[in-house]
Structures are given as C-alpha cells and as structure tokens.
Amino acid sequence: MSAPGHAQWWLATLGRTVVWARLRECEAGTAEVFDCDGNTLAYDSVDSARAALLDAEFVEFDGLDAEDAQARGFLLAELVPPQGADDAALRAAMVQTFGRERG
C-alpha cells in the first residue's frame, strides 16, 4: 500500500454483479475494510486484511488487466470503483449490477 489512509479497491464478481470493498491502511499499521454492507472491519495488519479479501474471492482492482476483466465477463473500462461524499453515500454504490452477459 502507499500511504496510510490511501484507499485500495478490491472486487468480487458473480455473473454481471460486481461487489466492491475498500481497504485502507491506518497510521498504526492496522487496516480497515469497508464492505458492501456498510461495515468497517478492522484488521491487525494490511496483510491480514488482504488475506481475508483473497479468502472471500476478491481481487485487487489495481492488479486487474483487460484479460482478467474479460475472464470475469467485463470490459476493464466498465469496472470503476464507486464514489461517494462519505461512507453512507458510498455504501449505496458498493454493489453494481450490469446488463446481460457478454458473449
């Protein structure tokens, strides 16, 4: 991760639905994951947060390339991390459903 507080986006897909999670490193070296239910989950380190996301079949958005996105049924350009003025507004955008499957 870069600097404490920097958001790192992760995603999981199911059909044409994308579920996002935001991972942030805290000043003390701990980490927080904001999930699609609006929960902020605390972890003792960035590594443990990353491991939990990987166990839940999330992948790091920054590591995705066009081929990875296509394997999940998406164009890379379709996958844009959600935005919101605050976590309450962000929660509503943490699950995105797209149109029909690409052929």
Protein backbone atom coordinates (compact mmCIF):
# COMPACT_ATOMS: atom_id res chain seq x y z
CA MET A 1 0.00 0.00 0.00
CA SER A 2 1.17 3.52 -0.50
CA ALA A 3 0.37 5.98 2.29
CA PRO A 4 -1.80 5.46 5.38
CA GLY A 5 -5.38 6.36 4.60
CA HIS A 6 -4.95 5.63 0.88
CA ALA A 7 -7.86 3.58 -0.48
CA GLN A 8 -7.12 0.35 -2.28
CA TRP A 9 -10.10 -1.12 -4.12
CA TRP A 10 -10.93 -4.81 -4.34
CA LEU A 11 -13.75 -6.53 -6.22
CA ALA A 12 -15.57 -9.81 -6.47
CA THR A 13 -17.90 -10.77 -9.29
CA LEU A 14 -20.91 -13.02 -9.62
CA GLY A 15 -22.35 -13.04 -13.11
CA ARG A 16 -22.83 -9.40 -14.05
CA THR A 17 -22.73 -8.18 -10.45
CA VAL A 18 -19.62 -6.54 -9.00
CA VAL A 19 -19.16 -6.26 -5.24
CA TRP A 20 -16.57 -3.74 -4.09
CA ALA A 21 -14.52 -3.49 -0.91
CA ARG A 22 -12.23 -0.64 0.13
CA LEU A 23 -9.04 -1.44 2.02
CA ARG A 24 -7.30 1.34 3.95
CA GLU A 25 -4.05 1.18 5.89
CA CYS A 26 -4.23 3.06 9.19
CA GLU A 27 -1.43 5.11 10.77
CA ALA A 28 -0.60 2.37 13.30
CA GLY A 29 -0.09 -0.22 10.54
CA THR A 30 -3.50 -1.76 11.11
CA ALA A 31 -6.09 -1.88 8.32
CA GLU A 32 -9.78 -1.37 7.74
CA VAL A 33 -12.02 -2.86 5.08
CA PHE A 34 -15.26 -1.07 4.22
CA ASP A 35 -17.64 -3.68 2.80
CA CYS A 36 -20.78 -3.63 0.69
CA ASP A 37 -22.97 -3.85 3.81
CA GLY A 38 -21.55 -0.58 5.11
CA ASN A 39 -19.46 -2.32 7.78
CA THR A 40 -15.90 -1.26 8.56
CA LEU A 41 -13.92 -4.35 9.52
CA ALA A 42 -10.70 -3.88 11.50
CA TYR A 43 -7.58 -5.99 10.92
CA ASP A 44 -4.27 -6.07 12.78
CA SER A 45 -2.32 -5.55 9.56
CA VAL A 46 -2.69 -4.87 5.86
CA ASP A 47 -1.53 -8.43 5.17
CA SER A 48 -4.33 -9.94 7.28
CA ALA A 49 -6.90 -7.69 5.57
CA ARG A 50 -5.60 -8.71 2.15
CA ALA A 51 -5.70 -12.39 3.15
CA ALA A 52 -9.32 -12.03 4.29
CA LEU A 53 -10.28 -10.40 0.99
CA LEU A 54 -8.49 -13.11 -1.00
CA ASP A 55 -10.23 -15.81 1.08
CA ALA A 56 -13.56 -14.19 0.17
CA GLU A 57 -12.54 -14.41 -3.54
CA PHE A 58 -11.90 -10.70 -4.01
CA VAL A 59 -9.14 -9.50 -6.32
CA GLU A 60 -7.21 -6.26 -6.18
CA PHE A 61 -8.58 -3.78 -8.72
CA ASP A 62 -5.18 -2.20 -9.42
CA GLY A 63 -3.81 -5.62 -10.41
CA LEU A 64 -6.57 -6.28 -12.96
CA ASP A 65 -5.78 -6.12 -16.66
CA ALA A 66 -8.07 -6.36 -19.69
CA GLU A 67 -7.66 -10.14 -19.88
CA ASP A 68 -8.54 -10.60 -16.19
CA ALA A 69 -11.62 -8.42 -16.58
CA GLN A 70 -12.70 -10.31 -19.70
CA ALA A 71 -12.33 -13.63 -17.85
CA ARG A 72 -14.84 -12.26 -15.32
CA GLY A 73 -17.20 -11.19 -18.13
CA PHE A 74 -16.43 -7.47 -18.09
CA LEU A 75 -14.56 -4.87 -20.09
CA LEU A 76 -11.88 -3.24 -17.96
CA ALA A 77 -13.39 0.18 -18.74
CA GLU A 78 -16.69 -0.91 -17.14
CA LEU A 79 -15.04 -1.51 -13.78
CA VAL A 80 -14.85 1.79 -11.97
CA PRO A 81 -14.57 1.91 -8.16
CA PRO A 82 -17.57 3.53 -6.51
CA GLN A 83 -17.53 7.11 -5.28
CA GLY A 84 -19.45 8.86 -2.55
CA ALA A 85 -19.23 12.00 -0.44
CA ASP A 86 -19.00 9.82 2.68
CA ASP A 87 -19.26 6.16 3.66
CA ALA A 88 -23.06 6.33 3.90
CA ALA A 89 -23.30 7.56 0.30
CA LEU A 90 -20.58 5.16 -0.80
CA ARG A 91 -22.42 2.14 0.61
CA ALA A 92 -25.20 2.51 -1.97
CA ALA A 93 -22.66 2.15 -4.80
CA MET A 94 -20.68 -0.81 -3.41
CA VAL A 95 -22.71 -3.35 -5.42
CA GLN A 96 -23.05 -2.71 -9.14
CA THR A 97 -25.21 -4.79 -11.47
CA PHE A 98 -24.63 -4.58 -15.20
CA GLY A 99 -26.76 -5.67 -18.17
CA ARG A 100 -26.70 -9.11 -19.75
CA GLU A 101 -23.62 -11.33 -20.07
CA ARG A 102 -21.11 -10.55 -22.80
CA GLY A 103 -20.77 -13.22 -25.46
